[in-house]
Amino acid sequence: MRMKLPITVVSVLAVLSAPAIAGDKRYSHKAGISVETANQELEECFDAATFAMHHPTAPNPYNPVTESSAAGAAGAGLAAGAARGLEQGRMFKLTYFGCLESKGYTQRAIPQLEWKSIKKLPKAEQRKKLESLMVAPQPQHPEMSRDEYD
């Protein structure tokens, strides 16, 4: 059974996991939809990204370093593990943001000072504020370029 993530969890994951270059925080915006629709679409993208992260393209298994010493094999194994971790993170981001973009979402940057004031709110008010920003008829913040979140 698939666990449903409330919009709060998904939106907070999106905001917290992706700082912009200048220290801003981000959120996904799509004008004029319901919070329920946003929740469903964000969850679909999160699920797709999680799947992509756990099933990245397998790297080329051939590595000449592993044919030398035990230390070389251990080092090659460590490097392959680090590369796999980087690839998984890259696959998650590419899939998540690509999915959101295909559904009509844009990424918006909340300036750091405004973000700090939002973080001071009680949790329920933080959630309502993020939800209102995500589904507002007109975006409240500048759109981020893809370079800032890829």
Protein backbone atom coordinates (compact mmCIF):
# COMPACT_ATOMS: atom_id res chain seq x y z
CA MET A 1 0.00 0.00 0.00
CA ARG A 2 1.37 3.40 -0.99
CA MET A 3 1.76 5.89 1.84
CA LYS A 4 0.06 9.22 1.11
CA LEU A 5 2.15 12.26 1.93
CA PRO A 6 0.18 15.32 2.99
CA ILE A 7 0.91 18.50 1.04
CA THR A 8 2.68 19.81 4.11
CA VAL A 9 5.29 17.07 3.96
CA VAL A 10 5.77 17.30 0.20
CA SER A 11 5.87 21.10 0.16
CA VAL A 12 8.25 21.25 3.11
CA LEU A 13 10.46 18.65 1.43
CA ALA A 14 10.43 20.74 -1.73
CA VAL A 15 11.17 23.94 0.16
CA LEU A 16 13.82 22.59 2.51
CA SER A 17 15.64 20.34 0.09
CA ALA A 18 16.29 22.97 -2.51
CA PRO A 19 17.89 26.27 -1.57
CA ALA A 20 18.44 28.77 -4.35
CA ILE A 21 21.84 30.27 -5.04
CA ALA A 22 21.35 33.36 -2.84
CA GLY A 23 20.10 31.37 0.15
CA ASP A 24 16.45 31.72 -0.87
CA LYS A 25 14.04 28.84 -0.37
CA ARG A 26 11.79 27.50 -3.12
CA TYR A 27 8.28 26.24 -3.58
CA SER A 28 6.33 24.88 -6.52
CA HIS A 29 3.58 27.14 -7.87
CA LYS A 30 0.63 26.44 -10.13
CA ALA A 31 -2.03 29.13 -10.40
CA GLY A 32 -5.62 28.55 -9.53
CA ILE A 33 -5.68 24.88 -8.53
CA SER A 34 -7.02 23.40 -5.31
CA VAL A 35 -4.77 22.36 -2.46
CA GLU A 36 -6.04 18.79 -2.95
CA THR A 37 -5.01 18.80 -6.63
CA ALA A 38 -1.60 20.21 -5.74
CA ASN A 39 -1.21 17.52 -3.08
CA GLN A 40 -2.04 14.77 -5.56
CA GLU A 41 0.27 16.11 -8.29
CA LEU A 42 3.18 16.75 -5.93
CA GLU A 43 2.78 13.26 -4.52
CA GLU A 44 2.79 11.74 -8.02
CA CYS A 45 6.02 13.57 -8.85
CA PHE A 46 7.59 12.64 -5.52
CA ASP A 47 6.72 8.96 -6.10
CA ALA A 48 8.15 9.07 -9.64
CA ALA A 49 11.34 10.73 -8.39
CA THR A 50 11.74 8.23 -5.56
CA PHE A 51 11.40 5.36 -8.03
CA ALA A 52 13.97 6.97 -10.37
CA MET A 53 16.35 7.49 -7.46
CA HIS A 54 16.23 3.81 -6.51
CA HIS A 55 16.59 2.59 -10.10
CA PRO A 56 19.25 4.79 -11.74
CA THR A 57 21.00 3.64 -14.87
CA ALA A 58 23.58 1.06 -13.88
CA PRO A 59 27.16 2.28 -14.31
CA ASN A 60 29.65 0.49 -16.53
CA PRO A 61 30.89 -2.40 -14.36
CA TYR A 62 34.31 -2.47 -16.01
CA ASN A 63 36.93 -0.59 -14.05
CA PRO A 64 40.62 -1.40 -14.69
CA VAL A 65 41.58 -0.29 -11.17
CA THR A 66 39.77 -3.30 -9.70
CA GLU A 67 42.12 -5.62 -11.58
CA SER A 68 45.12 -4.44 -9.56
CA SER A 69 45.63 -4.45 -5.81
CA ALA A 70 43.13 -5.04 -3.02
CA ALA A 71 43.55 -1.39 -2.01
CA GLY A 72 42.79 -0.34 -5.58
CA ALA A 73 39.68 -2.52 -5.61
CA ALA A 74 38.52 -1.05 -2.29
CA GLY A 75 39.11 2.49 -3.56
CA ALA A 76 37.29 1.75 -6.80
CA GLY A 77 34.37 0.31 -4.83
CA LEU A 78 34.22 3.43 -2.66
CA ALA A 79 34.33 5.69 -5.70
CA ALA A 80 31.61 3.65 -7.43
CA GLY A 81 29.41 3.93 -4.31
CA ALA A 82 29.92 7.70 -4.15
CA ALA A 83 29.17 8.02 -7.86
CA ARG A 84 26.01 5.95 -7.45
CA GLY A 85 24.86 8.22 -4.60
CA LEU A 86 25.45 11.32 -6.73
CA GLU A 87 23.63 9.70 -9.65
CA GLN A 88 20.67 8.82 -7.43
CA GLY A 89 20.37 12.42 -6.21
CA ARG A 90 20.64 13.70 -9.77
CA MET A 91 17.98 11.27 -10.98
CA PHE A 92 15.65 12.29 -8.14
CA LYS A 93 15.96 16.00 -8.96
CA LEU A 94 15.68 15.55 -12.71
CA THR A 95 12.58 13.40 -12.37
CA TYR A 96 10.90 15.47 -9.64
CA PHE A 97 11.34 18.85 -11.30
CA GLY A 98 10.70 17.47 -14.80
CA CYS A 99 7.44 15.95 -13.59
CA LEU A 100 6.36 19.18 -11.89
CA GLU A 101 7.24 21.18 -15.00
CA SER A 102 5.21 18.80 -17.19
CA LYS A 103 2.21 19.39 -14.91
CA GLY A 104 2.55 23.18 -15.24
CA TYR A 105 4.40 24.06 -12.03
CA THR A 106 7.11 26.68 -11.78
CA GLN A 107 9.69 26.96 -9.02
CA ARG A 108 9.48 30.20 -7.05
CA ALA A 109 12.09 31.66 -4.70
CA ILE A 110 11.11 32.94 -1.26
CA PRO A 111 13.70 35.52 -0.13
CA GLN A 112 15.64 34.46 2.93
CA LEU A 113 14.18 37.16 5.22
CA GLU A 114 10.63 36.23 4.29
CA TRP A 115 11.46 32.55 4.77
CA LYS A 116 12.74 33.28 8.28
CA SER A 117 9.46 35.02 9.15
CA ILE A 118 7.48 32.03 7.81
CA LYS A 119 9.60 29.63 9.89
CA LYS A 120 8.67 31.59 13.04
CA LEU A 121 4.97 30.84 12.52
CA PRO A 122 3.30 27.90 14.27
CA LYS A 123 3.38 24.73 12.13
CA ALA A 124 -0.29 24.97 11.07
CA GLU A 125 0.18 28.57 9.94
CA GLN A 126 3.40 27.66 8.08
CA ARG A 127 1.48 24.97 6.21
CA LYS A 128 -1.37 27.34 5.31
CA LYS A 129 1.10 30.00 4.14
CA LEU A 130 2.99 27.54 1.91
CA GLU A 131 -0.24 26.12 0.53
CA SER A 132 -1.55 29.60 -0.27
CA LEU A 133 1.70 30.47 -2.08
CA MET A 134 1.64 27.22 -4.06
CA VAL A 135 -1.89 27.67 -5.44
CA ALA A 136 -2.17 31.48 -5.54
CA PRO A 137 -3.88 32.91 -8.67
CA GLN A 138 -0.83 35.14 -9.24
CA PRO A 139 2.73 34.12 -8.25
CA GLN A 140 4.03 36.07 -5.26
CA HIS A 141 7.74 35.51 -5.92
CA PRO A 142 10.13 35.47 -8.89
CA GLU A 143 10.49 32.33 -10.94
CA MET A 144 13.78 30.52 -10.52
CA SER A 145 15.81 29.57 -13.56
CA ARG A 146 16.44 25.86 -14.08
CA ASP A 147 20.15 26.48 -13.42
CA GLU A 148 19.28 27.42 -9.85
CA TYR A 149 17.66 24.09 -9.00
CA ASP A 150 19.25 21.50 -11.26
